[in-house]
Amino acid sequence: MEFAKNSKILILALALGSGGLACGGSSSLPEDLGEACGDIGSAFCDRGVECGFLTEGDRLSCENAFFQGCCADDGICNRDLDDSISSSEWDSCIDGFATESCPDLDNGNLPSECIGL
């Protein structure tokens, strides 16, 4: 899945921290790279179904493939994330998938809210 490969730039940027996340009372921030990959994979695959380039029956396979390409293939899913990301920034990134254009998403482009995290 091409998007999973493209998302490594975002995910690896998130993983630069070694001290974990400063949660600040929010439960929406992922605890590690695996959770971040799962969150982004779910958002991507949900939008893929809405856009029609995935079927509802393909959703689980999509999420599994995304997770594999994002962190599992490299064995880095337990890696801590950068603690400079706020819960509102993370939520904006995940929410951005719901409004990302279908052609952009199909071409593996991240929502603009995710760029720079």
PDB file of N, CA and C in Angstrom:
ATOM      1  N   MET A   1       0.846  -1.156   0.000  1.00  0.00           N
ATOM      2  CA  MET A   1       0.000   0.000   0.000  1.00  0.00           C
ATOM      3  C   MET A   1       0.904   1.236   0.000  1.00  0.00           C
ATOM      4  N   GLU A   2       0.825   2.015  -1.029  1.00  0.00           N
ATOM      5  CA  GLU A   2       1.719   3.156  -1.217  1.00  0.00           C
ATOM      6  C   GLU A   2       1.579   4.196  -0.112  1.00  0.00           C
ATOM      7  N   PHE A   3       0.369   4.416   0.365  1.00  0.00           N
ATOM      8  CA  PHE A   3       0.190   5.432   1.394  1.00  0.00           C
ATOM      9  C   PHE A   3       0.962   5.088   2.657  1.00  0.00           C
ATOM     10  N   ALA A   4       0.979   3.823   3.017  1.00  0.00           N
ATOM     11  CA  ALA A   4       1.710   3.418   4.222  1.00  0.00           C
ATOM     12  C   ALA A   4       3.179   3.766   4.101  1.00  0.00           C
ATOM     13  N   LYS A   5       3.746   3.608   2.944  1.00  0.00           N
ATOM     14  CA  LYS A   5       5.152   3.969   2.740  1.00  0.00           C
ATOM     15  C   LYS A   5       5.331   5.478   2.838  1.00  0.00           C
ATOM     16  N   ASN A   6       4.428   6.252   2.231  1.00  0.00           N
ATOM     17  CA  ASN A   6       4.521   7.709   2.285  1.00  0.00           C
ATOM     18  C   ASN A   6       4.322   8.230   3.698  1.00  0.00           C
ATOM     19  N   SER A   7       3.517   7.557   4.490  1.00  0.00           N
ATOM     20  CA  SER A   7       3.230   8.032   5.839  1.00  0.00           C
ATOM     21  C   SER A   7       4.404   7.850   6.777  1.00  0.00           C
ATOM     22  N   LYS A   8       5.392   7.052   6.394  1.00  0.00           N
ATOM     23  CA  LYS A   8       6.542   6.852   7.268  1.00  0.00           C
ATOM     24  C   LYS A   8       7.249   8.160   7.569  1.00  0.00           C
ATOM     25  N   ILE A   9       7.219   9.106   6.659  1.00  0.00           N
ATOM     26  CA  ILE A   9       7.845  10.403   6.912  1.00  0.00           C
ATOM     27  C   ILE A   9       7.192  11.059   8.118  1.00  0.00           C
ATOM     28  N   LEU A  10       5.863  11.097   8.141  1.00  0.00           N
ATOM     29  CA  LEU A  10       5.140  11.680   9.263  1.00  0.00           C
ATOM     30  C   LEU A  10       5.384  10.871  10.529  1.00  0.00           C
ATOM     31  N   ILE A  11       5.226   9.578  10.447  1.00  0.00           N
ATOM     32  CA  ILE A  11       5.315   8.731  11.628  1.00  0.00           C
ATOM     33  C   ILE A  11       6.721   8.745  12.210  1.00  0.00           C
ATOM     34  N   LEU A  12       7.731   8.684  11.372  1.00  0.00           N
ATOM     35  CA  LEU A  12       9.093   8.711  11.890  1.00  0.00           C
ATOM     36  C   LEU A  12       9.423  10.062  12.495  1.00  0.00           C
ATOM     37  N   ALA A  13       8.852  11.120  11.963  1.00  0.00           N
ATOM     38  CA  ALA A  13       9.034  12.433  12.575  1.00  0.00           C
ATOM     39  C   ALA A  13       8.397  12.456  13.962  1.00  0.00           C
ATOM     40  N   LEU A  14       7.257  11.796  14.119  1.00  0.00           N
ATOM     41  CA  LEU A  14       6.596  11.725  15.417  1.00  0.00           C
ATOM     42  C   LEU A  14       7.416  10.923  16.416  1.00  0.00           C
ATOM     43  N   ALA A  15       8.177   9.970  15.937  1.00  0.00           N
ATOM     44  CA  ALA A  15       8.876   9.039  16.808  1.00  0.00           C
ATOM     45  C   ALA A  15      10.218   9.540  17.306  1.00  0.00           C
ATOM     46  N   LEU A  16      10.610  10.741  16.972  1.00  0.00           N
ATOM     47  CA  LEU A  16      11.936  11.228  17.327  1.00  0.00           C
ATOM     48  C   LEU A  16      12.151  11.361  18.827  1.00  0.00           C
ATOM     49  N   GLY A  17      11.110  11.590  19.582  1.00  0.00           N
ATOM     50  CA  GLY A  17      11.279  11.743  21.025  1.00  0.00           C
ATOM     51  C   GLY A  17      11.571  10.413  21.681  1.00  0.00           C
ATOM     52  N   SER A  18      12.251  10.454  22.820  1.00  0.00           N
ATOM     53  CA  SER A  18      12.556   9.220  23.538  1.00  0.00           C
ATOM     54  C   SER A  18      11.884   9.158  24.901  1.00  0.00           C
ATOM     55  N   GLY A  19      11.259  10.241  25.318  1.00  0.00           N
ATOM     56  CA  GLY A  19      10.677  10.262  26.648  1.00  0.00           C
ATOM     57  C   GLY A  19       9.191   9.995  26.673  1.00  0.00           C
ATOM     58  N   GLY A  20       8.598   9.613  25.596  1.00  0.00           N
ATOM     59  CA  GLY A  20       7.155   9.383  25.553  1.00  0.00           C
ATOM     60  C   GLY A  20       6.410  10.687  25.355  1.00  0.00           C
ATOM     61  N   LEU A  21       5.109  10.605  25.401  1.00  0.00           N
ATOM     62  CA  LEU A  21       4.273  11.783  25.190  1.00  0.00           C
ATOM     63  C   LEU A  21       3.917  12.438  26.507  1.00  0.00           C
ATOM     64  N   ALA A  22       3.858  13.725  26.475  1.00  0.00           N
ATOM     65  CA  ALA A  22       3.315  14.461  27.602  1.00  0.00           C
ATOM     66  C   ALA A  22       1.828  14.594  27.333  1.00  0.00           C
ATOM     67  N   CYS A  23       1.050  13.777  27.968  1.00  0.00           N
ATOM     68  CA  CYS A  23      -0.358  13.647  27.602  1.00  0.00           C
ATOM     69  C   CYS A  23      -1.212  14.832  28.001  1.00  0.00           C
ATOM     70  N   GLY A  24      -0.854  15.545  29.029  1.00  0.00           N
ATOM     71  CA  GLY A  24      -1.615  16.731  29.377  1.00  0.00           C
ATOM     72  C   GLY A  24      -3.087  16.470  29.632  1.00  0.00           C
ATOM     73  N   GLY A  25      -3.436  15.277  30.088  1.00  0.00           N
ATOM     74  CA  GLY A  25      -4.813  14.977  30.425  1.00  0.00           C
ATOM     75  C   GLY A  25      -5.650  14.483  29.263  1.00  0.00           C
ATOM     76  N   SER A  26      -5.108  14.451  28.086  1.00  0.00           N
ATOM     77  CA  SER A  26      -5.875  14.010  26.928  1.00  0.00           C
ATOM     78  C   SER A  26      -5.629  12.535  26.661  1.00  0.00           C
ATOM     79  N   SER A  27      -6.672  11.831  26.279  1.00  0.00           N
ATOM     80  CA  SER A  27      -6.513  10.424  25.950  1.00  0.00           C
ATOM     81  C   SER A  27      -6.405  10.216  24.446  1.00  0.00           C
ATOM     82  N   SER A  28      -6.417  11.303  23.666  1.00  0.00           N
ATOM     83  CA  SER A  28      -6.412  11.144  22.219  1.00  0.00           C
ATOM     84  C   SER A  28      -5.018  10.987  21.635  1.00  0.00           C
ATOM     85  N   LEU A  29      -3.987  11.374  22.364  1.00  0.00           N
ATOM     86  CA  LEU A  29      -2.629  11.224  21.850  1.00  0.00           C
ATOM     87  C   LEU A  29      -2.212   9.761  21.893  1.00  0.00           C
ATOM     88  N   PRO A  30      -1.580   9.283  20.836  1.00  0.00           N
ATOM     89  CA  PRO A  30      -1.101   7.898  20.850  1.00  0.00           C
ATOM     90  C   PRO A  30       0.046   7.737  21.840  1.00  0.00           C
ATOM     91  N   GLU A  31       0.142   6.561  22.434  1.00  0.00           N
ATOM     92  CA  GLU A  31       1.200   6.295  23.402  1.00  0.00           C
ATOM     93  C   GLU A  31       2.507   5.897  22.741  1.00  0.00           C
ATOM     94  N   ASP A  32       2.434   5.312  21.552  1.00  0.00           N
ATOM     95  CA  ASP A  32       3.641   4.872  20.873  1.00  0.00           C
ATOM     96  C   ASP A  32       3.400   4.858  19.368  1.00  0.00           C
ATOM     97  N   LEU A  33       4.424   4.509  18.648  1.00  0.00           N
ATOM     98  CA  LEU A  33       4.354   4.509  17.190  1.00  0.00           C
ATOM     99  C   LEU A  33       3.283   3.556  16.672  1.00  0.00           C
ATOM    100  N   GLY A  34       3.139   2.411  17.305  1.00  0.00           N
ATOM    101  CA  GLY A  34       2.118   1.454  16.874  1.00  0.00           C
ATOM    102  C   GLY A  34       0.711   2.027  16.960  1.00  0.00           C
ATOM    103  N   GLU A  35       0.426   2.718  18.057  1.00  0.00           N
ATOM    104  CA  GLU A  35      -0.893   3.331  18.202  1.00  0.00           C
ATOM    105  C   GLU A  35      -1.082   4.450  17.179  1.00  0.00           C
ATOM    106  N   ALA A  36      -0.026   5.232  16.934  1.00  0.00           N
ATOM    107  CA  ALA A  36      -0.114   6.296  15.928  1.00  0.00           C
ATOM    108  C   ALA A  36      -0.388   5.708  14.551  1.00  0.00           C
ATOM    109  N   CYS A  37       0.320   4.639  14.210  1.00  0.00           N
ATOM    110  CA  CYS A  37       0.095   3.982  12.916  1.00  0.00           C
ATOM    111  C   CYS A  37      -1.324   3.438  12.822  1.00  0.00           C
ATOM    112  N   GLY A  38      -1.823   2.875  13.926  1.00  0.00           N
ATOM    113  CA  GLY A  38      -3.189   2.370  13.939  1.00  0.00           C
ATOM    114  C   GLY A  38      -4.211   3.471  13.748  1.00  0.00           C
ATOM    115  N   ASP A  39      -3.991   4.602  14.429  1.00  0.00           N
ATOM    116  CA  ASP A  39      -4.915   5.736  14.307  1.00  0.00           C
ATOM    117  C   ASP A  39      -4.958   6.268  12.877  1.00  0.00           C
ATOM    118  N   ILE A  40      -3.786   6.474  12.302  1.00  0.00           N
ATOM    119  CA  ILE A  40      -3.724   7.013  10.941  1.00  0.00           C
ATOM    120  C   ILE A  40      -4.252   5.992   9.933  1.00  0.00           C
ATOM    121  N   GLY A  41      -3.917   4.724  10.127  1.00  0.00           N
ATOM    122  CA  GLY A  41      -4.419   3.679   9.236  1.00  0.00           C
ATOM    123  C   GLY A  41      -5.932   3.590   9.247  1.00  0.00           C
ATOM    124  N   SER A  42      -6.519   3.676  10.430  1.00  0.00           N
ATOM    125  CA  SER A  42      -7.985   3.639  10.532  1.00  0.00           C
ATOM    126  C   SER A  42      -8.618   4.828   9.818  1.00  0.00           C
ATOM    127  N   ALA A  43      -8.049   6.018  10.046  1.00  0.00           N
ATOM    128  CA  ALA A  43      -8.593   7.214   9.399  1.00  0.00           C
ATOM    129  C   ALA A  43      -8.464   7.117   7.880  1.00  0.00           C
ATOM    130  N   PHE A  44      -7.303   6.650   7.409  1.00  0.00           N
ATOM    131  CA  PHE A  44      -7.085   6.488   5.978  1.00  0.00           C
ATOM    132  C   PHE A  44      -8.063   5.474   5.379  1.00  0.00           C
ATOM    133  N   CYS A  45      -8.192   4.317   6.015  1.00  0.00           N
ATOM    134  CA  CYS A  45      -9.047   3.264   5.470  1.00  0.00           C
ATOM    135  C   CYS A  45     -10.520   3.634   5.530  1.00  0.00           C
ATOM    136  N   ASP A  46     -10.934   4.330   6.592  1.00  0.00           N
ATOM    137  CA  ASP A  46     -12.321   4.820   6.659  1.00  0.00           C
ATOM    138  C   ASP A  46     -12.622   5.729   5.480  1.00  0.00           C
ATOM    139  N   ARG A  47     -11.710   6.664   5.205  1.00  0.00           N
ATOM    140  CA  ARG A  47     -11.903   7.591   4.086  1.00  0.00           C
ATOM    141  C   ARG A  47     -11.831   6.848   2.749  1.00  0.00           C
ATOM    142  N   GLY A  48     -10.979   5.841   2.672  1.00  0.00           N
ATOM    143  CA  GLY A  48     -10.906   5.034   1.455  1.00  0.00           C
ATOM    144  C   GLY A  48     -12.219   4.354   1.127  1.00  0.00           C
ATOM    145  N   VAL A  49     -12.924   3.882   2.158  1.00  0.00           N
ATOM    146  CA  VAL A  49     -14.249   3.284   1.963  1.00  0.00           C
ATOM    147  C   VAL A  49     -15.227   4.360   1.508  1.00  0.00           C
ATOM    148  N   GLU A  50     -15.190   5.531   2.169  1.00  0.00           N
ATOM    149  CA  GLU A  50     -16.080   6.634   1.782  1.00  0.00           C
ATOM    150  C   GLU A  50     -15.830   7.082   0.345  1.00  0.00           C
ATOM    151  N   CYS A  51     -14.573   7.060  -0.073  1.00  0.00           N
ATOM    152  CA  CYS A  51     -14.216   7.497  -1.427  1.00  0.00           C
ATOM    153  C   CYS A  51     -14.502   6.427  -2.481  1.00  0.00           C
ATOM    154  N   GLY A  52     -14.688   5.204  -2.042  1.00  0.00           N
ATOM    155  CA  GLY A  52     -15.024   4.138  -2.971  1.00  0.00           C
ATOM    156  C   GLY A  52     -13.845   3.398  -3.566  1.00  0.00           C
ATOM    157  N   PHE A  53     -12.609   3.686  -3.124  1.00  0.00           N
ATOM    158  CA  PHE A  53     -11.503   2.896  -3.647  1.00  0.00           C
ATOM    159  C   PHE A  53     -11.177   1.709  -2.745  1.00  0.00           C
ATOM    160  N   LEU A  54     -11.930   1.563  -1.656  1.00  0.00           N
ATOM    161  CA  LEU A  54     -11.920   0.373  -0.812  1.00  0.00           C
ATOM    162  C   LEU A  54     -13.366  -0.003  -0.533  1.00  0.00           C
ATOM    163  N   THR A  55     -13.619  -1.282  -0.334  1.00  0.00           N
ATOM    164  CA  THR A  55     -14.950  -1.713   0.077  1.00  0.00           C
ATOM    165  C   THR A  55     -14.960  -1.877   1.591  1.00  0.00           C
ATOM    166  N   GLU A  56     -16.144  -1.910   2.162  1.00  0.00           N
ATOM    167  CA  GLU A  56     -16.267  -2.130   3.603  1.00  0.00           C
ATOM    168  C   GLU A  56     -15.575  -3.436   4.001  1.00  0.00           C
ATOM    169  N   GLY A  57     -15.671  -4.450   3.141  1.00  0.00           N
ATOM    170  CA  GLY A  57     -15.032  -5.734   3.408  1.00  0.00           C
ATOM    171  C   GLY A  57     -13.507  -5.672   3.359  1.00  0.00           C
ATOM    172  N   ASP A  58     -12.972  -4.644   2.708  1.00  0.00           N
ATOM    173  CA  ASP A  58     -11.517  -4.480   2.620  1.00  0.00           C
ATOM    174  C   ASP A  58     -10.930  -3.679   3.782  1.00  0.00           C
ATOM    175  N   ARG A  59     -11.785  -3.107   4.629  1.00  0.00           N
ATOM    176  CA  ARG A  59     -11.315  -2.199   5.672  1.00  0.00           C
ATOM    177  C   ARG A  59     -10.275  -2.856   6.589  1.00  0.00           C
ATOM    178  N   LEU A  60     -10.535  -4.029   7.123  1.00  0.00           N
ATOM    179  CA  LEU A  60      -9.605  -4.682   8.044  1.00  0.00           C
ATOM    180  C   LEU A  60      -8.287  -5.013   7.351  1.00  0.00           C
ATOM    181  N   SER A  61      -8.367  -5.505   6.115  1.00  0.00           N
ATOM    182  CA  SER A  61      -7.144  -5.789   5.357  1.00  0.00           C
ATOM    183  C   SER A  61      -6.339  -4.515   5.117  1.00  0.00           C
ATOM    184  N   CYS A  62      -7.035  -3.422   4.832  1.00  0.00           N
ATOM    185  CA  CYS A  62      -6.390  -2.129   4.631  1.00  0.00           C
ATOM    186  C   CYS A  62      -5.667  -1.697   5.906  1.00  0.00           C
ATOM    187  N   GLU A  63      -6.372  -1.769   7.039  1.00  0.00           N
ATOM    188  CA  GLU A  63      -5.768  -1.354   8.300  1.00  0.00           C
ATOM    189  C   GLU A  63      -4.559  -2.212   8.645  1.00  0.00           C
ATOM    190  N   ASN A  64      -4.657  -3.519   8.419  1.00  0.00           N
ATOM    191  CA  ASN A  64      -3.532  -4.414   8.689  1.00  0.00           C
ATOM    192  C   ASN A  64      -2.344  -4.108   7.782  1.00  0.00           C
ATOM    193  N   ALA A  65      -2.603  -3.893   6.487  1.00  0.00           N
ATOM    194  CA  ALA A  65      -1.527  -3.576   5.548  1.00  0.00           C
ATOM    195  C   ALA A  65      -0.872  -2.242   5.903  1.00  0.00           C
ATOM    196  N   PHE A  66      -1.686  -1.270   6.275  1.00  0.00           N
ATOM    197  CA  PHE A  66      -1.153   0.026   6.657  1.00  0.00           C
ATOM    198  C   PHE A  66      -0.247  -0.107   7.875  1.00  0.00           C
ATOM    199  N   PHE A  67      -0.721  -0.824   8.894  1.00  0.00           N
ATOM    200  CA  PHE A  67       0.054  -1.017  10.119  1.00  0.00           C
ATOM    201  C   PHE A  67       1.377  -1.722   9.818  1.00  0.00           C
ATOM    202  N   GLN A  68       1.322  -2.747   9.000  1.00  0.00           N
ATOM    203  CA  GLN A  68       2.551  -3.474   8.631  1.00  0.00           C
ATOM    204  C   GLN A  68       3.557  -2.541   7.981  1.00  0.00           C
ATOM    205  N   GLY A  69       3.108  -1.775   6.993  1.00  0.00           N
ATOM    206  CA  GLY A  69       4.005  -0.881   6.275  1.00  0.00           C
ATOM    207  C   GLY A  69       4.468   0.300   7.100  1.00  0.00           C
ATOM    208  N   CYS A  70       3.667   0.696   8.056  1.00  0.00           N
ATOM    209  CA  CYS A  70       3.965   1.877   8.861  1.00  0.00           C
ATOM    210  C   CYS A  70       5.020   1.586   9.923  1.00  0.00           C
ATOM    211  N   CYS A  71       4.873   0.476  10.651  1.00  0.00           N
ATOM    212  CA  CYS A  71       5.855   0.232  11.721  1.00  0.00           C
ATOM    213  C   CYS A  71       6.202  -1.232  11.940  1.00  0.00           C
ATOM    214  N   ALA A  72       5.284  -2.157  11.669  1.00  0.00           N
ATOM    215  CA  ALA A  72       5.527  -3.558  12.012  1.00  0.00           C
ATOM    216  C   ALA A  72       6.638  -4.184  11.174  1.00  0.00           C
ATOM    217  N   ASP A  73       6.696  -3.869   9.892  1.00  0.00           N
ATOM    218  CA  ASP A  73       7.740  -4.439   9.037  1.00  0.00           C
ATOM    219  C   ASP A  73       9.136  -4.079   9.535  1.00  0.00           C
ATOM    220  N   ASP A  74       9.262  -2.904  10.143  1.00  0.00           N
ATOM    221  CA  ASP A  74      10.554  -2.440  10.651  1.00  0.00           C
ATOM    222  C   ASP A  74      10.760  -2.762  12.129  1.00  0.00           C
ATOM    223  N   GLY A  75       9.754  -3.331  12.780  1.00  0.00           N
ATOM    224  CA  GLY A  75       9.854  -3.683  14.189  1.00  0.00           C
ATOM    225  C   GLY A  75       9.984  -2.495  15.125  1.00  0.00           C
ATOM    226  N   ILE A  76       9.353  -1.373  14.777  1.00  0.00           N
ATOM    227  CA  ILE A  76       9.503  -0.154  15.579  1.00  0.00           C
ATOM    228  C   ILE A  76       8.189   0.318  16.199  1.00  0.00           C
ATOM    229  N   CYS A  77       7.196  -0.540  16.280  1.00  0.00           N
ATOM    230  CA  CYS A  77       5.878  -0.130  16.766  1.00  0.00           C
ATOM    231  C   CYS A  77       5.874   0.294  18.234  1.00  0.00           C
ATOM    232  N   ASN A  78       6.799  -0.176  19.033  1.00  0.00           N
ATOM    233  CA  ASN A  78       6.839   0.184  20.451  1.00  0.00           C
ATOM    234  C   ASN A  78       7.638   1.444  20.725  1.00  0.00           C
ATOM    235  N   ARG A  79       8.139   2.068  19.702  1.00  0.00           N
ATOM    236  CA  ARG A  79       8.969   3.261  19.852  1.00  0.00           C
ATOM    237  C   ARG A  79       8.144   4.430  20.394  1.00  0.00           C
ATOM    238  N   ASP A  80       8.742   5.192  21.317  1.00  0.00           N
ATOM    239  CA  ASP A  80       8.077   6.373  21.873  1.00  0.00           C
ATOM    240  C   ASP A  80       7.959   7.462  20.818  1.00  0.00           C
ATOM    241  N   LEU A  81       7.008   8.366  21.039  1.00  0.00           N
ATOM    242  CA  LEU A  81       6.775   9.478  20.132  1.00  0.00           C
ATOM    243  C   LEU A  81       7.318  10.774  20.705  1.00  0.00           C
ATOM    244  N   ASP A  82       7.492  11.729  19.828  1.00  0.00           N
ATOM    245  CA  ASP A  82       7.935  13.069  20.212  1.00  0.00           C
ATOM    246  C   ASP A  82       6.894  13.698  21.131  1.00  0.00           C
ATOM    247  N   ASP A  83       7.336  14.249  22.265  1.00  0.00           N
ATOM    248  CA  ASP A  83       6.383  14.808  23.216  1.00  0.00           C
ATOM    249  C   ASP A  83       5.995  16.256  22.923  1.00  0.00           C
ATOM    250  N   SER A  84       6.405  16.782  21.776  1.00  0.00           N
ATOM    251  CA  SER A  84       6.058  18.171  21.451  1.00  0.00           C
ATOM    252  C   SER A  84       4.749  18.297  20.679  1.00  0.00           C
ATOM    253  N   ILE A  85       4.094  17.214  20.374  1.00  0.00           N
ATOM    254  CA  ILE A  85       2.837  17.242  19.627  1.00  0.00           C
ATOM    255  C   ILE A  85       1.680  17.394  20.605  1.00  0.00           C
ATOM    256  N   SER A  86       0.827  18.368  20.353  1.00  0.00           N
ATOM    257  CA  SER A  86      -0.327  18.574  21.232  1.00  0.00           C
ATOM    258  C   SER A  86      -1.490  17.679  20.800  1.00  0.00           C
ATOM    259  N   SER A  87      -2.407  17.474  21.711  1.00  0.00           N
ATOM    260  CA  SER A  87      -3.579  16.660  21.379  1.00  0.00           C
ATOM    261  C   SER A  87      -4.410  17.323  20.291  1.00  0.00           C
ATOM    262  N   SER A  88      -4.466  18.661  20.280  1.00  0.00           N
ATOM    263  CA  SER A  88      -5.253  19.334  19.238  1.00  0.00           C
ATOM    264  C   SER A  88      -4.593  19.170  17.869  1.00  0.00           C
ATOM    265  N   GLU A  89      -3.263  19.197  17.809  1.00  0.00           N
ATOM    266  CA  GLU A  89      -2.567  18.959  16.535  1.00  0.00           C
ATOM    267  C   GLU A  89      -2.824  17.539  16.039  1.00  0.00           C
ATOM    268  N   TRP A  90      -2.738  16.574  16.950  1.00  0.00           N
ATOM    269  CA  TRP A  90      -2.975  15.174  16.570  1.00  0.00           C
ATOM    270  C   TRP A  90      -4.406  14.991  16.092  1.00  0.00           C
ATOM    271  N   ASP A  91      -5.368  15.528  16.860  1.00  0.00           N
ATOM    272  CA  ASP A  91      -6.776  15.407  16.481  1.00  0.00           C
ATOM    273  C   ASP A  91      -7.043  16.054  15.120  1.00  0.00           C
ATOM    274  N   SER A  92      -6.430  17.210  14.867  1.00  0.00           N
ATOM    275  CA  SER A  92      -6.603  17.883  13.570  1.00  0.00           C
ATOM    276  C   SER A  92      -6.081  17.025  12.435  1.00  0.00           C
ATOM    277  N   CYS A  93      -4.939  16.384  12.653  1.00  0.00           N
ATOM    278  CA  CYS A  93      -4.374  15.496  11.622  1.00  0.00           C
ATOM    279  C   CYS A  93      -5.335  14.346  11.326  1.00  0.00           C
ATOM    280  N   ILE A  94      -5.771  13.651  12.371  1.00  0.00           N
ATOM    281  CA  ILE A  94      -6.679  12.509  12.178  1.00  0.00           C
ATOM    282  C   ILE A  94      -7.992  12.971  11.548  1.00  0.00           C
ATOM    283  N   ASP A  95      -8.542  14.079  12.036  1.00  0.00           N
ATOM    284  CA  ASP A  95      -9.801  14.600  11.493  1.00  0.00           C
ATOM    285  C   ASP A  95      -9.645  15.055  10.046  1.00  0.00           C
ATOM    286  N   GLY A  96      -8.441  15.448   9.657  1.00  0.00           N
ATOM    287  CA  GLY A  96      -8.187  15.907   8.298  1.00  0.00           C
ATOM    288  C   GLY A  96      -8.439  14.846   7.239  1.00  0.00           C
ATOM    289  N   PHE A  97      -8.348  13.584   7.621  1.00  0.00           N
ATOM    290  CA  PHE A  97      -8.610  12.508   6.655  1.00  0.00           C
ATOM    291  C   PHE A  97     -10.054  12.519   6.177  1.00  0.00           C
ATOM    292  N   ALA A  98     -10.986  12.946   7.038  1.00  0.00           N
ATOM    293  CA  ALA A  98     -12.407  12.950   6.689  1.00  0.00           C
ATOM    294  C   ALA A  98     -12.732  13.931   5.571  1.00  0.00           C
ATOM    295  N   THR A  99     -11.909  14.956   5.401  1.00  0.00           N
ATOM    296  CA  THR A  99     -12.181  15.955   4.367  1.00  0.00           C
ATOM    297  C   THR A  99     -11.122  15.972   3.262  1.00  0.00           C
ATOM    298  N   GLU A 100     -10.132  15.103   3.363  1.00  0.00           N
ATOM    299  CA  GLU A 100      -9.109  15.032   2.304  1.00  0.00           C
ATOM    300  C   GLU A 100      -9.781  14.598   1.008  1.00  0.00           C
ATOM    301  N   SER A 101      -9.396  15.220  -0.092  1.00  0.00           N
ATOM    302  CA  SER A 101     -10.022  14.852  -1.362  1.00  0.00           C
ATOM    303  C   SER A 101      -9.688  13.398  -1.698  1.00  0.00           C
ATOM    304  N   CYS A 102     -10.636  12.737  -2.308  1.00  0.00           N
ATOM    305  CA  CYS A 102     -10.444  11.333  -2.663  1.00  0.00           C
ATOM    306  C   CYS A 102      -9.259  11.132  -3.614  1.00  0.00           C
ATOM    307  N   PRO A 103      -9.104  11.963  -4.655  1.00  0.00           N
ATOM    308  CA  PRO A 103      -7.927  11.781  -5.519  1.00  0.00           C
ATOM    309  C   PRO A 103      -6.608  11.981  -4.766  1.00  0.00           C
ATOM    310  N   ASP A 104      -6.548  12.979  -3.881  1.00  0.00           N
ATOM    311  CA  ASP A 104      -5.327  13.179  -3.105  1.00  0.00           C
ATOM    312  C   ASP A 104      -5.038  11.972  -2.223  1.00  0.00           C
ATOM    313  N   LEU A 105      -6.050  11.477  -1.549  1.00  0.00           N
ATOM    314  CA  LEU A 105      -5.871  10.323  -0.678  1.00  0.00           C
ATOM    315  C   LEU A 105      -5.460   9.099  -1.480  1.00  0.00           C
ATOM    316  N   ASP A 106      -6.086   8.887  -2.617  1.00  0.00           N
ATOM    317  CA  ASP A 106      -5.765   7.746  -3.473  1.00  0.00           C
ATOM    318  C   ASP A 106      -4.331   7.830  -3.986  1.00  0.00           C
ATOM    319  N   ASN A 107      -3.796   9.042  -4.103  1.00  0.00           N
ATOM    320  CA  ASN A 107      -2.408   9.230  -4.541  1.00  0.00           C
ATOM    321  C   ASN A 107      -1.424   9.191  -3.380  1.00  0.00           C
ATOM    322  N   GLY A 108      -1.912   8.930  -2.158  1.00  0.00           N
ATOM    323  CA  GLY A 108      -1.041   8.796  -1.006  1.00  0.00           C
ATOM    324  C   GLY A 108      -0.663  10.105  -0.341  1.00  0.00           C
ATOM    325  N   ASN A 109      -1.403  11.170  -0.608  1.00  0.00           N
ATOM    326  CA  ASN A 109      -1.098  12.460   0.018  1.00  0.00           C
ATOM    327  C   ASN A 109      -1.716  12.543   1.404  1.00  0.00           C
ATOM    328  N   LEU A 110      -0.952  13.098   2.332  1.00  0.00           N
ATOM    329  CA  LEU A 110      -1.445  13.331   3.690  1.00  0.00           C
ATOM    330  C   LEU A 110      -2.321  14.575   3.724  1.00  0.00           C
ATOM    331  N   PRO A 111      -3.292  14.626   4.635  1.00  0.00           N
ATOM    332  CA  PRO A 111      -4.032  15.869   4.836  1.00  0.00           C
ATOM    333  C   PRO A 111      -3.064  16.979   5.241  1.00  0.00           C
ATOM    334  N   SER A 112      -3.351  18.211   4.856  1.00  0.00           N
ATOM    335  CA  SER A 112      -2.462  19.325   5.179  1.00  0.00           C
ATOM    336  C   SER A 112      -2.283  19.486   6.683  1.00  0.00           C
ATOM    337  N   GLU A 113      -3.273  19.074   7.480  1.00  0.00           N
ATOM    338  CA  GLU A 113      -3.178  19.172   8.938  1.00  0.00           C
ATOM    339  C   GLU A 113      -2.091  18.278   9.530  1.00  0.00           C
ATOM    340  N   CYS A 114      -1.651  17.284   8.751  1.00  0.00           N
ATOM    341  CA  CYS A 114      -0.637  16.346   9.233  1.00  0.00           C
ATOM    342  C   CYS A 114       0.780  16.772   8.858  1.00  0.00           C
ATOM    343  N   ILE A 115       0.901  17.653   7.896  1.00  0.00           N
ATOM    344  CA  ILE A 115       2.225  18.085   7.426  1.00  0.00           C
ATOM    345  C   ILE A 115       2.908  18.908   8.513  1.00  0.00           C
ATOM    346  N   GLY A 116       4.121  18.553   8.809  1.00  0.00           N
ATOM    347  CA  GLY A 116       4.898  19.292   9.786  1.00  0.00           C
ATOM    348  C   GLY A 116       4.824  18.739  11.199  1.00  0.00           C
ATOM    349  N   LEU A 117       3.983  17.739  11.430  1.00  0.00           N
ATOM    350  CA  LEU A 117       3.941  17.148  12.773  1.00  0.00           C
ATOM    351  C   LEU A 117       5.178  16.317  12.994  1.00  0.00           C
TER     352      LEU A 117
END
